[in-house]
Each structure stands twice: as C-alpha cells, then as structure tokens.
Amino acid sequence: MKYYCKRFEDCSVDELFAFFKARQDVFVVEQNCVYPDIDEIDRIATHVWLEEDGALVSYLRFFERKEEPGTIQIGRVLSLKRRAHLGTALMEYALSKIPESSLYLEAQVYAIPFYEQFGFQVTSEQFLEDGIPHVKMRLQR
C-alpha cells in the first residue's frame, strides 16, 4: 500500500481520472445521486489517496474554505474496499498532512461514528444534501 498527497496541478492525468472515476462510482452511481461531482474545488484542493497494487482504493480531498479563511474542509471521502479500514488509514494519513487548524466537513449521517473516532463533533441539525441526510462536523486542533 502506498499513500499519496498532491495538489491538483501535480497530479497526472491518470491519477485525476482515477479520482473522478472512483467518486462517480461511489457518489453518483452507487448512491444514485445525480450531482456535479467534478467541480472548481478540485483545482484548489489537495488530493489524498491510497493505492494497493497500483490501483486507487481510498480517496479524499481537502481545501481551505473560502468563506472561513484558516478553516480546512475535508470532503469526497471514499473507500472502494469496504470494511478493510482503508478509510481510517487514509484519514489518519490525511490529518498528518493538514496543518494545525480548524477542520470542517459535511458527513453523511451514517458516517458520523467514523468521523467521531478522529475527534470530530456534530455541530448542526441534519440537513439534506442532494437528497442524502448530512450533518456538519468540526474538529479544532
């Protein structure tokens, strides 16, 4: 297994394709949620992923929130191999790459316990994002 952490401009075309394909497979197809996954945030984000045998198995991105300078938002967290703790391993790696700061994410409700293990706390009521229940979560480091 090998970890990667790169800015958009440092990623190869094949790496970008792998991110976009994995995100499409999980968030658009599997969750049956039609929305524009590829967005302008990709260009300003740092992309973090884990490969096994040369193939992407877990992914996330992080970026500074425009509306909250100094706050880093984590998003598009996914694992293609479920129940293998790859998401946990990737999140630990990503947190080691993010400077000490206030962290923010919008979690699908079922994933609250996943983020709580890293110290994130729910800071909002449930809301629908693209028809899926979410909550806002924060971690101050």
Protein backbone atom coordinates (compact mmCIF):
# COMPACT_ATOMS: atom_id res chain seq x y z
CA MET A 1 0.00 0.00 0.00
CA LYS A 2 1.20 3.46 -0.82
CA TYR A 3 -0.12 6.87 0.23
CA TYR A 4 -0.15 9.98 -1.95
CA CYS A 5 -0.85 13.63 -1.19
CA LYS A 6 -0.72 16.05 -4.13
CA ARG A 7 -2.08 19.38 -5.26
CA PHE A 8 -4.24 19.27 -8.40
CA GLU A 9 -1.53 20.67 -10.65
CA ASP A 10 0.91 17.97 -9.50
CA CYS A 11 -1.43 15.07 -10.32
CA SER A 12 -1.09 13.12 -13.54
CA VAL A 13 -3.97 12.74 -15.95
CA ASP A 14 -4.25 9.07 -14.93
CA GLU A 15 -4.39 9.99 -11.24
CA LEU A 16 -7.12 12.58 -11.85
CA PHE A 17 -9.06 10.07 -13.94
CA ALA A 18 -8.86 7.52 -11.09
CA PHE A 19 -10.21 10.08 -8.55
CA PHE A 20 -13.07 11.15 -10.77
CA LYS A 21 -13.98 7.57 -11.70
CA ALA A 22 -13.99 6.40 -8.07
CA ARG A 23 -16.05 9.39 -6.94
CA GLN A 24 -18.52 8.85 -9.78
CA ASP A 25 -18.81 5.14 -8.98
CA VAL A 26 -19.47 5.75 -5.27
CA PHE A 27 -21.29 9.07 -5.02
CA VAL A 28 -23.22 9.20 -8.30
CA VAL A 29 -23.84 5.58 -9.32
CA GLU A 30 -23.81 3.59 -6.06
CA GLN A 31 -25.68 6.25 -4.07
CA ASN A 32 -27.93 7.02 -7.04
CA CYS A 33 -27.31 10.74 -6.64
CA VAL A 34 -27.08 12.89 -9.72
CA TYR A 35 -24.96 15.97 -9.00
CA PRO A 36 -21.89 17.69 -10.48
CA ASP A 37 -19.13 15.84 -8.62
CA ILE A 38 -16.23 17.33 -10.58
CA ASP A 39 -16.10 20.99 -9.61
CA GLU A 40 -13.81 24.01 -9.38
CA ILE A 41 -12.80 22.97 -5.86
CA ASP A 42 -10.80 20.12 -7.40
CA ARG A 43 -8.41 22.74 -8.82
CA ILE A 44 -7.66 24.27 -5.40
CA ALA A 45 -7.76 21.06 -3.36
CA THR A 46 -5.07 18.76 -2.13
CA HIS A 47 -5.92 15.21 -3.15
CA VAL A 48 -5.02 12.34 -0.84
CA TRP A 49 -5.31 8.70 -1.77
CA LEU A 50 -4.17 5.19 -1.03
CA GLU A 51 -3.20 2.68 -3.70
CA GLU A 52 -2.94 -1.07 -3.44
CA ASP A 53 -1.16 -2.90 -6.25
CA GLY A 54 -1.17 0.34 -8.27
CA ALA A 55 -4.94 0.87 -8.01
CA LEU A 56 -6.76 3.56 -6.03
CA VAL A 57 -8.59 2.03 -3.05
CA SER A 58 -9.36 5.08 -0.87
CA TYR A 59 -9.55 8.82 -1.55
CA LEU A 60 -10.35 12.24 -0.09
CA ARG A 61 -9.64 15.87 -0.81
CA PHE A 62 -9.11 18.90 1.43
CA PHE A 63 -9.02 22.63 0.84
CA GLU A 64 -9.24 25.96 2.64
CA ARG A 65 -12.84 27.16 2.92
CA LYS A 66 -13.27 30.42 1.02
CA GLU A 67 -15.97 31.58 3.45
CA GLU A 68 -13.82 30.71 6.50
CA PRO A 69 -10.15 31.54 5.94
CA GLY A 70 -7.97 29.33 8.12
CA THR A 71 -10.51 26.50 8.17
CA ILE A 72 -9.76 23.37 6.17
CA GLN A 73 -12.66 21.38 4.71
CA ILE A 74 -12.38 17.65 4.08
CA GLY A 75 -14.62 16.05 1.52
CA ARG A 76 -15.29 13.32 -1.03
CA VAL A 77 -14.08 10.68 1.44
CA LEU A 78 -14.45 7.18 0.00
CA SER A 79 -13.13 3.67 0.18
CA LEU A 80 -13.56 1.16 -2.61
CA LYS A 81 -12.76 -1.80 -0.31
CA ARG A 82 -15.31 -1.73 2.48
CA ARG A 83 -14.65 -3.00 5.99
CA ALA A 84 -10.90 -3.12 5.36
CA HIS A 85 -10.15 0.00 7.48
CA LEU A 86 -8.62 1.75 4.49
CA GLY A 87 -10.75 4.85 5.08
CA THR A 88 -9.45 5.03 8.64
CA ALA A 89 -5.86 4.63 7.50
CA LEU A 90 -6.31 7.28 4.82
CA MET A 91 -7.95 9.75 7.21
CA GLU A 92 -5.10 9.32 9.70
CA TYR A 93 -2.59 9.95 6.93
CA ALA A 94 -4.52 12.99 5.64
CA LEU A 95 -4.78 14.51 9.13
CA SER A 96 -0.99 14.22 9.44
CA LYS A 97 -0.65 16.27 6.22
CA ILE A 98 -3.09 19.04 7.18
CA PRO A 99 -1.55 21.91 9.18
CA GLU A 100 -2.91 22.52 12.68
CA SER A 101 -6.17 24.31 12.04
CA SER A 102 -9.90 24.24 12.40
CA LEU A 103 -11.33 21.36 10.36
CA TYR A 104 -14.81 21.15 8.86
CA LEU A 105 -16.72 18.51 6.96
CA GLU A 106 -20.24 17.60 5.98
CA ALA A 107 -20.81 13.94 6.82
CA GLN A 108 -23.49 11.60 5.66
CA VAL A 109 -25.40 10.70 8.82
CA TYR A 110 -24.43 7.01 8.70
CA ALA A 111 -20.74 8.05 8.78
CA ILE A 112 -20.91 10.14 11.98
CA PRO A 113 -19.20 7.40 14.10
CA PHE A 114 -16.39 7.16 11.53
CA TYR A 115 -15.54 10.86 11.93
CA GLU A 116 -16.10 10.89 15.70
CA GLN A 117 -13.21 8.45 16.11
CA PHE A 118 -10.89 11.27 14.94
CA GLY A 119 -12.43 13.81 17.33
CA PHE A 120 -14.93 15.49 15.00
CA GLN A 121 -18.13 16.65 16.67
CA VAL A 122 -21.56 17.21 15.14
CA THR A 123 -22.32 20.95 15.04
CA SER A 124 -25.63 21.08 13.18
CA GLU A 125 -29.01 19.52 12.80
CA GLN A 126 -29.47 17.06 9.96
CA PHE A 127 -29.96 18.55 6.51
CA LEU A 128 -30.39 17.10 3.04
CA GLU A 129 -27.56 17.43 0.56
CA ASP A 130 -28.53 16.03 -2.83
CA GLY A 131 -31.31 14.07 -1.11
CA ILE A 132 -28.99 12.39 1.43
CA PRO A 133 -29.11 13.23 5.19
CA HIS A 134 -25.94 15.02 6.32
CA VAL A 135 -24.63 16.91 9.37
CA LYS A 136 -21.88 19.49 9.75
CA MET A 137 -18.93 18.39 11.87
CA ARG A 138 -15.92 20.23 13.23
CA LEU A 139 -12.60 19.49 14.85
CA GLN A 140 -10.37 22.14 16.43
CA ARG A 141 -6.68 21.18 16.51
